[in-house]
Amino acid sequence: MLEMELEDYIKRQLLQDGSIESIPHDLDLIGTGILNSLKIMELITYIENVQQVQFMESEILFENFNSISSITKLLNRR
């Protein structure tokens, strides 16, 4: 999954208000309030469905979903 795909999904599905035009891939998504625990679970479900992967419980950590870059790194390790 490419970083741009993640950015588009976050903007389109999780923000929905169009308030952010672009998300830097190293932006702290949790610290800025873009992602919270519910939105992280929505994002995980989306990634699992699109990528046909299943995250292990040990992978579901805030640090792995803190930025678009960290999510991409997690996926690339698989």
N, C-alpha and C. Protein backbone atom coordinates (compact mmCIF):
# COMPACT_ATOMS: atom_id res chain seq x y z
N MET A 1 0.86 -1.17 0.00
CA MET A 1 0.00 0.00 0.00
C MET A 1 0.89 1.23 0.00
N LEU A 2 0.62 2.11 -0.89
CA LEU A 2 1.41 3.32 -1.03
C LEU A 2 0.99 4.39 -0.03
N GLU A 3 1.92 5.25 0.31
CA GLU A 3 1.63 6.34 1.24
C GLU A 3 0.49 7.22 0.72
N MET A 4 0.46 7.46 -0.59
CA MET A 4 -0.59 8.31 -1.15
C MET A 4 -1.97 7.67 -0.99
N GLU A 5 -2.06 6.35 -1.10
CA GLU A 5 -3.33 5.66 -0.89
C GLU A 5 -3.82 5.85 0.55
N LEU A 6 -2.90 5.73 1.49
CA LEU A 6 -3.26 5.94 2.90
C LEU A 6 -3.70 7.37 3.13
N GLU A 7 -2.95 8.32 2.58
CA GLU A 7 -3.31 9.73 2.74
C GLU A 7 -4.70 9.99 2.18
N ASP A 8 -4.98 9.49 0.98
CA ASP A 8 -6.29 9.69 0.36
C ASP A 8 -7.41 9.10 1.21
N TYR A 9 -7.20 7.89 1.73
CA TYR A 9 -8.22 7.26 2.55
C TYR A 9 -8.47 8.07 3.82
N ILE A 10 -7.41 8.49 4.47
CA ILE A 10 -7.57 9.26 5.71
C ILE A 10 -8.32 10.56 5.44
N LYS A 11 -7.96 11.26 4.37
CA LYS A 11 -8.65 12.52 4.04
C LYS A 11 -10.10 12.27 3.67
N ARG A 12 -10.36 11.26 2.86
CA ARG A 12 -11.69 11.01 2.31
C ARG A 12 -12.63 10.38 3.33
N GLN A 13 -12.15 9.39 4.07
CA GLN A 13 -13.03 8.62 4.94
C GLN A 13 -12.98 9.00 6.41
N LEU A 14 -11.82 9.40 6.89
CA LEU A 14 -11.70 9.64 8.32
C LEU A 14 -11.85 11.11 8.68
N LEU A 15 -11.50 12.00 7.77
CA LEU A 15 -11.66 13.43 8.05
C LEU A 15 -13.01 13.92 7.55
N GLN A 16 -13.34 13.63 6.32
CA GLN A 16 -14.63 13.89 5.70
C GLN A 16 -15.04 15.35 5.64
N ASP A 17 -14.37 16.24 6.34
CA ASP A 17 -14.79 17.64 6.33
C ASP A 17 -13.99 18.48 5.34
N GLY A 18 -13.01 17.87 4.71
CA GLY A 18 -12.21 18.59 3.72
C GLY A 18 -11.32 19.66 4.31
N SER A 19 -11.09 19.60 5.62
CA SER A 19 -10.33 20.65 6.29
C SER A 19 -8.84 20.58 5.99
N ILE A 20 -8.37 19.43 5.56
CA ILE A 20 -6.94 19.26 5.28
C ILE A 20 -6.78 18.84 3.82
N GLU A 21 -6.00 19.62 3.10
CA GLU A 21 -5.78 19.34 1.68
C GLU A 21 -4.68 18.32 1.47
N SER A 22 -3.66 18.38 2.32
CA SER A 22 -2.51 17.49 2.20
C SER A 22 -2.03 17.11 3.60
N ILE A 23 -1.61 15.87 3.74
CA ILE A 23 -1.10 15.39 5.02
C ILE A 23 0.36 14.99 4.84
N PRO A 24 1.27 15.70 5.49
CA PRO A 24 2.67 15.27 5.43
C PRO A 24 2.79 13.84 5.96
N HIS A 25 3.56 13.02 5.31
CA HIS A 25 3.61 11.61 5.65
C HIS A 25 4.30 11.33 6.98
N ASP A 26 4.99 12.32 7.54
CA ASP A 26 5.60 12.15 8.85
C ASP A 26 4.83 12.88 9.96
N LEU A 27 3.66 13.43 9.63
CA LEU A 27 2.83 14.15 10.60
C LEU A 27 2.32 13.20 11.68
N ASP A 28 2.36 13.64 12.93
CA ASP A 28 1.84 12.86 14.06
C ASP A 28 0.31 12.86 13.99
N LEU A 29 -0.26 11.81 13.42
CA LEU A 29 -1.71 11.73 13.21
C LEU A 29 -2.49 11.63 14.51
N ILE A 30 -1.89 11.02 15.52
CA ILE A 30 -2.57 10.87 16.80
C ILE A 30 -2.46 12.16 17.61
N GLY A 31 -1.27 12.71 17.68
CA GLY A 31 -1.04 13.95 18.44
C GLY A 31 -1.82 15.13 17.91
N THR A 32 -2.07 15.16 16.60
CA THR A 32 -2.83 16.25 16.00
C THR A 32 -4.34 16.02 16.06
N GLY A 33 -4.74 14.84 16.50
CA GLY A 33 -6.16 14.54 16.61
C GLY A 33 -6.79 14.02 15.33
N ILE A 34 -6.00 13.83 14.29
CA ILE A 34 -6.55 13.29 13.05
C ILE A 34 -7.03 11.86 13.28
N LEU A 35 -6.23 11.08 14.01
CA LEU A 35 -6.62 9.72 14.36
C LEU A 35 -6.83 9.60 15.86
N ASN A 36 -7.86 8.86 16.21
CA ASN A 36 -8.08 8.45 17.60
C ASN A 36 -8.25 6.94 17.58
N SER A 37 -8.53 6.33 18.69
CA SER A 37 -8.58 4.87 18.73
C SER A 37 -9.65 4.30 17.80
N LEU A 38 -10.80 4.94 17.71
CA LEU A 38 -11.86 4.46 16.82
C LEU A 38 -11.44 4.57 15.36
N LYS A 39 -10.86 5.70 15.00
CA LYS A 39 -10.43 5.89 13.61
C LYS A 39 -9.27 4.97 13.25
N ILE A 40 -8.42 4.66 14.23
CA ILE A 40 -7.35 3.70 13.97
C ILE A 40 -7.96 2.33 13.65
N MET A 41 -8.98 1.93 14.38
CA MET A 41 -9.62 0.64 14.11
C MET A 41 -10.28 0.64 12.73
N GLU A 42 -10.89 1.75 12.33
CA GLU A 42 -11.46 1.86 10.98
C GLU A 42 -10.36 1.73 9.93
N LEU A 43 -9.24 2.38 10.18
CA LEU A 43 -8.11 2.33 9.26
C LEU A 43 -7.55 0.91 9.17
N ILE A 44 -7.43 0.24 10.30
CA ILE A 44 -6.94 -1.14 10.31
C ILE A 44 -7.86 -2.04 9.49
N THR A 45 -9.16 -1.89 9.68
CA THR A 45 -10.13 -2.69 8.91
C THR A 45 -9.98 -2.44 7.42
N TYR A 46 -9.84 -1.18 7.04
CA TYR A 46 -9.65 -0.83 5.63
C TYR A 46 -8.38 -1.49 5.08
N ILE A 47 -7.27 -1.33 5.78
CA ILE A 47 -6.00 -1.89 5.31
C ILE A 47 -6.10 -3.42 5.20
N GLU A 48 -6.67 -4.05 6.21
CA GLU A 48 -6.79 -5.51 6.17
C GLU A 48 -7.62 -5.97 4.98
N ASN A 49 -8.68 -5.25 4.67
CA ASN A 49 -9.53 -5.63 3.54
C ASN A 49 -8.85 -5.38 2.20
N VAL A 50 -8.22 -4.24 2.05
CA VAL A 50 -7.59 -3.88 0.78
C VAL A 50 -6.33 -4.69 0.53
N GLN A 51 -5.53 -4.86 1.56
CA GLN A 51 -4.24 -5.54 1.41
C GLN A 51 -4.33 -7.05 1.65
N GLN A 52 -5.50 -7.53 2.06
CA GLN A 52 -5.66 -8.96 2.36
C GLN A 52 -4.63 -9.44 3.39
N VAL A 53 -4.49 -8.65 4.45
CA VAL A 53 -3.58 -8.99 5.54
C VAL A 53 -4.38 -9.03 6.84
N GLN A 54 -3.81 -9.64 7.83
CA GLN A 54 -4.40 -9.67 9.16
C GLN A 54 -3.33 -9.20 10.14
N PHE A 55 -3.58 -8.09 10.81
CA PHE A 55 -2.62 -7.60 11.78
C PHE A 55 -2.64 -8.48 13.03
N MET A 56 -1.47 -8.73 13.56
CA MET A 56 -1.38 -9.43 14.84
C MET A 56 -1.65 -8.41 15.94
N GLU A 57 -2.15 -8.89 17.04
CA GLU A 57 -2.46 -8.00 18.17
C GLU A 57 -1.22 -7.21 18.59
N SER A 58 -0.06 -7.84 18.52
CA SER A 58 1.18 -7.17 18.93
C SER A 58 1.58 -6.03 17.99
N GLU A 59 1.01 -5.99 16.79
CA GLU A 59 1.30 -4.92 15.83
C GLU A 59 0.41 -3.70 16.02
N ILE A 60 -0.69 -3.88 16.71
CA ILE A 60 -1.66 -2.79 16.86
C ILE A 60 -1.25 -1.93 18.05
N LEU A 61 -0.28 -1.07 17.76
CA LEU A 61 0.27 -0.13 18.73
C LEU A 61 0.17 1.27 18.17
N PHE A 62 -0.05 2.25 19.04
CA PHE A 62 -0.12 3.64 18.57
C PHE A 62 1.10 4.01 17.74
N GLU A 63 2.28 3.55 18.16
CA GLU A 63 3.51 3.93 17.46
C GLU A 63 3.52 3.43 16.02
N ASN A 64 2.82 2.34 15.72
CA ASN A 64 2.77 1.83 14.35
C ASN A 64 1.76 2.58 13.48
N PHE A 65 0.88 3.35 14.10
CA PHE A 65 -0.15 4.08 13.37
C PHE A 65 -0.05 5.58 13.62
N ASN A 66 1.11 6.02 14.06
CA ASN A 66 1.33 7.42 14.41
C ASN A 66 1.44 8.34 13.21
N SER A 67 1.88 7.80 12.08
CA SER A 67 2.02 8.62 10.87
C SER A 67 1.80 7.73 9.65
N ILE A 68 1.60 8.35 8.52
CA ILE A 68 1.46 7.60 7.28
C ILE A 68 2.74 6.81 7.02
N SER A 69 3.88 7.41 7.30
CA SER A 69 5.16 6.72 7.11
C SER A 69 5.29 5.50 8.01
N SER A 70 4.87 5.61 9.27
CA SER A 70 4.98 4.47 10.18
C SER A 70 4.04 3.34 9.78
N ILE A 71 2.88 3.68 9.24
CA ILE A 71 1.95 2.65 8.76
C ILE A 71 2.55 1.93 7.56
N THR A 72 3.13 2.70 6.66
CA THR A 72 3.77 2.12 5.47
C THR A 72 4.93 1.21 5.87
N LYS A 73 5.73 1.63 6.84
CA LYS A 73 6.84 0.80 7.31
C LYS A 73 6.32 -0.52 7.90
N LEU A 74 5.24 -0.43 8.66
CA LEU A 74 4.64 -1.64 9.22
C LEU A 74 4.22 -2.60 8.11
N LEU A 75 3.59 -2.08 7.09
CA LEU A 75 3.15 -2.93 5.98
C LEU A 75 4.32 -3.50 5.19
N ASN A 76 5.37 -2.72 5.04
CA ASN A 76 6.54 -3.19 4.29
C ASN A 76 7.31 -4.28 5.02
N ARG A 77 7.15 -4.35 6.34
CA ARG A 77 7.82 -5.39 7.13
C ARG A 77 7.14 -6.75 6.96
N ARG A 78 5.98 -6.76 6.41
CA ARG A 78 5.21 -8.01 6.28
C ARG A 78 5.67 -8.81 5.11
